Protein backbone atom coordinates (compact mmCIF):
# COMPACT_ATOMS: atom_id res chain seq x y z
CA MET A 1 -11.19 -13.93 1.75
CA SER A 2 -7.60 -14.19 2.89
CA VAL A 3 -6.64 -10.82 1.20
CA LEU A 4 -9.53 -9.16 2.90
CA ALA A 5 -8.48 -10.68 6.23
CA ALA A 6 -5.07 -9.24 5.78
CA ILE A 7 -6.35 -5.85 4.81
CA ALA A 8 -8.67 -5.99 7.85
CA VAL A 9 -5.60 -6.55 10.00
CA LEU A 10 -3.89 -3.50 8.65
CA ALA A 11 -6.83 -1.37 9.01
CA LEU A 12 -7.32 -2.48 12.62
CA LEU A 13 -3.81 -1.52 13.56
CA ILE A 14 -4.25 1.82 12.03
CA VAL A 15 -7.43 2.27 14.03
CA VAL A 16 -5.50 1.33 17.18
CA HIS A 17 -2.74 3.83 16.31
CA GLU A 18 -5.15 6.72 15.74
CA LEU A 19 -7.23 5.80 18.78
CA GLY A 20 -4.12 6.16 20.81
CA HIS A 21 -3.71 9.79 19.55
CA PHE A 22 -7.39 10.59 19.92
CA GLY A 23 -7.77 9.04 23.39
CA ALA A 24 -4.71 10.76 24.77
CA ALA A 25 -5.94 14.13 23.39
CA ARG A 26 -9.59 13.62 24.80
CA LEU A 27 -8.50 12.48 28.15
CA GLN A 28 -6.43 15.78 28.62
CA GLY A 29 -9.29 17.84 27.33
CA ILE A 30 -7.53 18.93 24.11
CA ARG A 31 -9.84 19.67 21.26
CA VAL A 32 -10.09 17.20 18.37
CA ASN A 33 -12.26 18.07 15.35
CA ARG A 34 -11.54 15.10 13.05
CA PHE A 35 -10.98 11.30 13.44
CA SER A 36 -10.47 9.71 10.10
CA ILE A 37 -9.71 6.05 9.14
CA GLY A 38 -8.27 5.91 5.61
CA PHE A 39 -7.59 8.55 2.97
CA GLY A 40 -9.46 9.68 -0.11
CA PRO A 41 -13.28 10.09 -0.63
CA VAL A 42 -15.54 9.75 2.36
CA LEU A 43 -17.67 6.53 2.57
CA LEU A 44 -19.28 7.16 5.90
CA LYS A 45 -19.31 10.18 8.18
CA TYR A 46 -20.78 11.18 11.48
CA GLN A 47 -20.75 14.63 13.20
CA GLY A 48 -20.35 14.44 16.91
CA SER A 49 -20.72 17.33 19.30
CA GLU A 50 -17.12 18.39 18.57
CA THR A 51 -15.51 15.79 16.42
CA GLU A 52 -16.23 14.54 12.90
CA TYR A 53 -15.76 10.73 12.48
CA ALA A 54 -15.24 9.42 8.94
CA ILE A 55 -14.30 6.18 7.06
CA ARG A 56 -12.62 6.95 3.81
CA ALA A 57 -12.04 4.84 0.62
CA PHE A 58 -8.46 3.76 1.12
CA PRO A 59 -8.14 2.03 4.55
CA LEU A 60 -4.28 1.95 4.68
CA GLY A 61 -3.90 5.19 6.61
CA GLY A 62 -5.71 7.57 8.96
CA TYR A 63 -5.38 10.70 10.94
CA VAL A 64 -6.59 12.70 13.97
CA GLY A 65 -7.09 16.34 13.09
CA PHE A 66 -7.00 19.36 15.46
CA PRO A 67 -8.62 22.84 15.03
CA ASP A 68 -5.08 24.31 15.11
CA ASP A 69 -4.56 22.99 11.55
CA GLU A 70 -7.55 24.71 10.19
CA PRO A 71 -7.25 28.41 9.24
CA ASP A 72 -11.14 28.80 9.03
CA SER A 73 -11.67 27.34 12.56
CA GLU A 74 -14.13 29.37 14.73
CA ILE A 75 -12.14 28.52 17.90
CA PRO A 76 -10.06 31.43 19.28
CA LEU A 77 -6.36 31.08 18.81
CA ASP A 78 -5.79 31.61 22.55
CA ASP A 79 -8.14 28.81 23.58
CA PRO A 80 -6.18 26.88 26.30
CA ASN A 81 -7.62 23.62 24.93
CA LEU A 82 -5.98 23.97 21.56
CA MET A 83 -3.18 21.58 21.01
CA ARG A 84 -0.76 24.35 20.19
CA ASN A 85 -1.34 26.13 23.52
CA ARG A 86 -0.68 23.08 25.70
CA PRO A 87 2.67 22.45 27.47
CA VAL A 88 5.30 20.40 25.65
CA LEU A 89 4.69 17.39 27.79
CA ASP A 90 0.86 17.34 27.01
CA ARG A 91 1.58 17.48 23.39
CA ALA A 92 4.32 14.81 23.55
CA ILE A 93 1.91 12.47 25.23
CA VAL A 94 -0.57 12.88 22.38
CA ILE A 95 1.98 12.46 19.67
CA SER A 96 3.55 9.39 21.27
CA ALA A 97 0.31 7.74 22.25
CA GLY A 98 -0.22 6.02 18.83
CA VAL A 99 3.21 4.31 19.07
CA ILE A 100 2.32 3.22 22.71
CA ALA A 101 -1.08 2.00 21.73
CA ASN A 102 0.50 -0.16 18.94
CA LEU A 103 3.06 -1.65 21.33
CA ILE A 104 0.52 -2.47 23.98
CA PHE A 105 -1.98 -3.93 21.41
CA ALA A 106 0.84 -6.09 19.99
CA TYR A 107 1.39 -7.77 23.36
CA PHE A 108 -2.39 -8.50 23.69
CA LEU A 109 -2.43 -9.96 20.14
CA LEU A 110 0.30 -12.38 21.21
CA VAL A 111 -1.67 -13.29 24.34
CA GLY A 112 -4.56 -14.13 22.02
CA GLN A 113 -2.34 -16.15 19.84
CA VAL A 114 -0.77 -18.13 22.65
CA ALA A 115 -4.08 -18.69 24.49
CA THR A 116 -5.91 -20.01 21.37
CA VAL A 117 -3.49 -21.77 18.96
CA GLY A 118 -0.08 -21.56 20.74
CA ILE A 119 2.89 -19.53 19.55
CA GLN A 120 5.35 -20.41 16.76
CA ASP A 121 8.99 -20.15 17.72
CA LEU A 122 12.43 -21.43 16.82
CA GLN A 123 13.35 -24.90 17.96
CA PRO A 124 16.80 -26.35 18.17
CA GLY A 125 18.12 -27.71 14.84
CA VAL A 126 17.63 -27.08 11.15
CA ALA A 127 14.69 -28.39 9.20
CA ILE A 128 14.87 -30.19 5.90
CA PRO A 129 11.56 -29.35 4.29
CA GLN A 130 12.55 -31.03 0.92
CA VAL A 131 15.09 -33.47 -0.46
CA LEU A 132 15.66 -32.14 -3.87
CA SER A 133 16.01 -35.33 -5.74
CA GLU A 134 14.56 -38.16 -3.57
CA THR A 135 16.18 -40.95 -5.48
CA THR A 136 19.65 -39.59 -6.65
CA SER A 137 20.84 -36.84 -4.27
CA VAL A 138 23.53 -37.56 -1.73
CA ALA A 139 20.92 -36.90 1.06
CA ALA A 140 18.45 -39.36 -0.35
CA LYS A 141 21.04 -42.08 -0.76
CA ALA A 142 22.17 -41.42 2.95
CA GLY A 143 18.55 -41.94 4.18
CA ILE A 144 17.60 -38.28 4.79
CA GLN A 145 13.89 -37.64 4.23
CA SER A 146 11.76 -34.49 3.83
CA GLY A 147 10.68 -33.35 7.26
CA ASP A 148 13.83 -34.46 9.08
CA VAL A 149 15.57 -32.11 11.45
CA VAL A 150 19.35 -31.95 11.81
CA ILE A 151 20.07 -31.27 15.47
CA ALA A 152 23.95 -31.62 15.29
CA ALA A 153 26.75 -31.64 12.78
CA ASP A 154 30.17 -33.12 13.46
CA GLY A 155 29.41 -33.09 17.15
CA ARG A 156 28.37 -29.43 17.26
CA GLU A 157 24.78 -28.92 18.37
CA LEU A 158 22.61 -26.66 16.28
CA ASP A 159 20.88 -24.35 18.74
CA LYS A 160 17.56 -22.44 18.17
CA SER A 161 19.29 -19.46 16.46
CA PRO A 162 18.78 -18.09 12.97
CA ASP A 163 22.64 -18.73 12.74
CA ALA A 164 22.08 -22.44 12.97
CA ILE A 165 21.27 -22.59 9.14
CA VAL A 166 24.35 -20.60 8.36
CA SER A 167 26.49 -23.02 10.53
CA LEU A 168 25.12 -26.19 8.90
CA ARG A 169 25.36 -24.74 5.36
CA GLU A 170 29.01 -23.66 5.91
CA THR A 171 29.85 -27.16 7.24
CA ILE A 172 28.38 -28.87 4.18
CA GLN A 173 29.93 -26.36 1.82
CA ASN A 174 33.37 -26.64 3.37
CA SER A 175 33.39 -30.34 3.28
CA PRO A 176 33.28 -31.62 -0.40
CA ASN A 177 34.12 -35.29 -0.56
CA LYS A 178 34.60 -35.36 3.26
CA PRO A 179 32.19 -37.33 5.55
CA ILE A 180 30.04 -35.37 8.00
CA ASP A 181 28.43 -36.90 11.02
CA LEU A 182 24.79 -35.67 11.25
CA THR A 183 22.33 -36.28 14.07
CA ILE A 184 18.95 -36.45 12.74
CA LYS A 185 15.53 -36.17 14.54
CA ARG A 186 12.45 -37.82 12.74
CA GLU A 187 9.32 -37.45 14.66
CA GLN A 188 10.19 -38.98 18.15
CA GLU A 189 13.26 -40.90 16.95
CA THR A 190 16.93 -39.49 17.02
CA PHE A 191 19.72 -41.33 15.07
CA PRO A 192 23.04 -40.65 13.41
CA ILE A 193 23.74 -40.37 9.78
CA THR A 194 27.13 -40.04 8.01
CA ILE A 195 26.99 -38.21 4.76
CA THR A 196 29.64 -37.21 2.25
CA PRO A 197 28.79 -33.95 0.35
CA GLU A 198 29.60 -34.07 -3.41
CA LEU A 199 31.72 -31.46 -5.05
CA GLY A 200 29.54 -28.87 -6.85
CA SER A 201 30.31 -26.84 -9.97
CA ASP A 202 31.15 -23.91 -7.75
CA GLY A 203 33.79 -25.87 -5.80
CA LYS A 204 31.61 -26.22 -2.68
CA GLY A 205 30.00 -29.23 -1.07
CA LYS A 206 26.28 -30.02 -1.49
CA ILE A 207 24.01 -32.81 -0.53
CA GLY A 208 20.74 -31.91 -2.28
CA VAL A 209 18.42 -30.52 0.32
CA MET A 210 16.59 -27.33 1.15
CA LEU A 211 17.21 -25.89 4.61
CA SER A 212 14.78 -23.75 6.84
CA PRO A 213 14.50 -22.77 10.38
CA ASN A 214 13.05 -25.41 12.67
CA VAL A 215 9.87 -23.68 13.68
CA GLY A 216 7.49 -25.42 16.07
CA THR A 217 4.35 -24.56 17.98
CA ARG A 218 4.39 -24.33 21.80
CA HIS A 219 1.27 -24.56 23.86
CA PRO A 220 0.81 -22.99 27.33
CA ASN A 221 -0.22 -24.73 30.57
CA GLY A 222 -2.26 -22.17 32.45
CA ILE A 223 -2.72 -18.43 32.41
CA GLY A 224 0.69 -17.76 33.96
CA GLU A 225 2.43 -19.54 31.15
CA VAL A 226 0.28 -17.64 28.60
CA LEU A 227 1.54 -14.38 29.89
CA THR A 228 5.13 -15.34 30.13
CA MET A 229 5.26 -17.00 26.60
CA SER A 230 3.58 -13.91 25.24
CA ALA A 231 6.18 -11.70 26.89
CA ASP A 232 8.99 -13.83 25.58
CA ALA A 233 7.57 -13.71 21.99
CA TYR A 234 6.95 -9.97 22.31
CA GLN A 235 10.60 -9.35 23.39
CA ASN A 236 11.96 -11.54 20.57
CA ILE A 237 9.77 -9.92 17.89
CA THR A 238 10.80 -6.39 19.14
CA VAL A 239 14.45 -7.14 19.30
CA MET A 240 14.53 -8.70 15.88
CA THR A 241 12.49 -5.82 14.37
CA ALA A 242 14.72 -3.28 15.89
CA GLN A 243 17.92 -5.14 14.57
CA GLY A 244 16.36 -5.26 11.20
CA PHE A 245 15.76 -1.52 11.03
CA TRP A 246 19.40 -0.99 12.22
CA GLN A 247 20.70 -3.25 9.50
CA LEU A 248 18.59 -1.50 6.94
CA ILE A 249 19.80 2.00 8.00
CA SER A 250 23.49 0.97 8.49
CA ASN A 251 23.69 -0.91 5.18
CA PHE A 252 20.81 0.60 3.17
CA GLN A 253 22.18 -0.07 -0.37
CA GLU A 254 22.35 -3.79 0.26
CA ASN A 255 19.07 -4.19 2.27
CA ALA A 256 16.83 -1.70 0.54
CA LYS A 257 15.27 -4.33 -1.74
CA GLN A 258 13.88 -6.05 1.36
CA VAL A 259 11.70 -3.02 2.27
CA ALA A 260 8.03 -4.08 1.82
CA GLY A 261 5.19 -1.75 1.15
CA PRO A 262 1.40 -2.29 1.86
CA VAL A 263 0.85 -4.58 -1.08
CA LYS A 264 3.59 -6.95 -0.10
CA ILE A 265 2.45 -6.91 3.51
CA VAL A 266 -1.07 -7.79 2.38
CA GLU A 267 0.37 -10.61 0.32
CA TYR A 268 2.23 -12.01 3.28
CA GLY A 269 -0.83 -11.67 5.48
CA ALA A 270 -3.01 -13.34 2.82
CA ASN A 271 -0.66 -16.30 2.62
CA ILE A 272 -0.71 -16.71 6.35
CA ALA A 273 -4.54 -16.46 6.47
CA SER A 274 -4.93 -19.02 3.78
CA SER A 275 -2.53 -21.49 5.35
CA ASN A 276 -3.32 -20.94 9.11
CA ALA A 277 -5.66 -18.23 10.08
CA GLY A 278 -4.77 -18.67 13.72
CA ASN A 279 -1.23 -17.19 13.02
CA LEU A 280 -2.82 -13.80 11.85
CA PHE A 281 -2.60 -12.85 15.61
CA GLN A 282 1.22 -13.26 15.37
CA PHE A 283 1.36 -11.54 11.96
CA ALA A 284 -0.61 -8.68 13.36
CA ALA A 285 1.69 -8.29 16.36
CA LEU A 286 4.76 -8.13 14.04
CA ILE A 287 3.13 -5.50 11.89
CA SER A 288 1.91 -3.52 14.96
CA ILE A 289 5.51 -3.52 16.35
CA ASN A 290 6.84 -2.45 12.97
CA LEU A 291 4.37 0.35 12.76
CA ALA A 292 5.38 1.60 16.11
CA ILE A 293 9.13 1.55 15.35
CA ILE A 294 8.58 3.16 12.01
CA ASN A 295 6.41 6.01 13.53
CA ILE A 296 8.92 6.78 16.25
CA LEU A 297 11.82 7.44 13.85
CA PRO A 298 12.73 11.15 13.77
CA LEU A 299 11.51 11.67 10.25
CA PRO A 300 9.38 14.57 9.02
CA ALA A 301 5.65 13.70 8.73
CA LEU A 302 5.97 10.89 11.32
CA ASP A 303 5.31 10.90 15.00
CA GLY A 304 9.08 10.78 15.70
CA GLY A 305 9.52 14.00 13.51
CA GLN A 306 6.96 15.90 15.62
CA LEU A 307 8.63 14.74 18.79
CA ALA A 308 11.87 15.99 17.45
CA PHE A 309 10.26 19.49 16.90
CA LEU A 310 9.06 19.35 20.55
CA LEU A 311 12.50 18.47 21.73
CA VAL A 312 13.92 21.49 19.92
CA GLU A 313 11.15 23.64 21.39
CA GLY A 314 11.97 22.37 24.86
CA LEU A 315 15.60 23.17 24.44
CA ARG A 316 15.08 26.60 22.80
CA GLY A 317 12.25 27.65 25.14
CA LYS A 318 10.09 28.42 22.09
CA PRO A 319 9.02 26.48 19.02
CA LEU A 320 10.70 26.75 15.50
CA PRO A 321 8.91 29.24 13.21
CA ARG A 322 5.81 27.70 11.94
CA THR A 323 6.77 28.19 8.30
CA ILE A 324 9.96 26.18 8.89
CA GLN A 325 8.05 23.37 10.51
CA GLU A 326 5.44 23.30 7.75
CA GLY A 327 8.13 23.28 5.06
CA ILE A 328 9.99 20.46 6.67
CA MET A 329 6.76 18.47 7.23
CA GLN A 330 5.40 18.97 3.69
CA THR A 331 8.84 17.95 2.19
CA GLY A 332 8.79 14.81 4.42
CA LEU A 333 5.22 14.04 3.59
CA VAL A 334 5.99 14.30 -0.21
CA LEU A 335 9.01 12.00 0.12
CA LEU A 336 7.06 9.48 2.21
CA LEU A 337 4.13 9.40 -0.22
CA GLY A 338 6.51 9.01 -3.14
CA LEU A 339 8.22 6.08 -1.38
CA GLY A 340 4.84 4.68 -0.72
CA VAL A 341 3.73 4.92 -4.31
CA PHE A 342 6.98 3.36 -5.49
CA LEU A 343 6.72 0.35 -3.08
CA ILE A 344 3.06 -0.20 -4.11
CA VAL A 345 3.83 -0.10 -7.77
CA ARG A 346 6.94 -2.40 -7.33
CA ASP A 347 5.24 -4.90 -5.12
CA THR A 348 2.08 -4.95 -7.22
CA ALA A 349 4.28 -5.59 -10.41
CA ASN A 350 6.00 -8.57 -8.51
CA LEU A 351 2.75 -10.23 -7.55
CA ALA A 352 2.42 -13.75 -9.05
CA VAL A 353 -0.68 -12.85 -10.98
CA PHE A 354 0.98 -9.99 -12.72
CA GLN A 355 4.14 -11.98 -13.42
CA GLN A 356 1.95 -14.60 -15.19
CA LEU A 357 0.32 -11.98 -17.36
CA PHE A 358 3.53 -10.78 -18.76
CA GLN A 359 5.19 -14.12 -19.28
């Protein structure tokens, strides 16, 4: 059921994206002849007065079709309501509407999360989810327990930043056989502990614990706080996502292995659904923002690529020749499909169930 819940989240976000394109076109009177959720064989189909609505076998995708793209369409080529005959601004609104829909929907998902179960966010300090050897490790002998939170090390407070783990780890590793003064928070109690990291085989200090971000759940007081907490979470997710994409682009060789395909995303979502279904709101908001940022990239076959064509048209005063546009779009589509297939195969092979089969 958790896998189905994760797939349903992805399908919903795709529906929202395509509804953005569809709604922007229809509101401007632009002809739309197809609205499809998924790819592959048709499972359900309904023919409206102008548009064919379809649900297809593979839900991780979708598209809005225009008569402009069909050579056998009976609509005259000079029809003013064809997408190709509309001003650049009208077409830009339709193309960018899917991204805008995902961004808006992400905010309301976070509102739903905050209003129902609260929002998870970073708290000051570094959590210790596990003491590796609860009888013989340095940490265990010093009195540190699983679930403790280190809020200061050698007088330096550990704030609610992802860098807090790096700071604490460096302090430990750089202090073999040297005492460190830690401030520990255990439930509602705060107390000091002095610990001396032992010298590891790599020449660095170690105390025998796992470190993780100190993530807590905040609950709002009233509708005003629901909206402000949702806005703060939205800003944090958007900034971190944009930074992640920039790091991937600027240092692709090092970060390429972190790129996740649909299978890995479903696996993450399934794990979240099985442990705490309420957090699916936040997971869906994260994926929705990721979809928006991916689609706005100026790559062929994505919304950003089509907007780039419109920008060129606006600067030239006329569009690029159709054959050139189609060639670029088809090449981009092949590359994206190839990347998608590669990620699906790689992530499927790395699933735990397949790893166990080949052990």
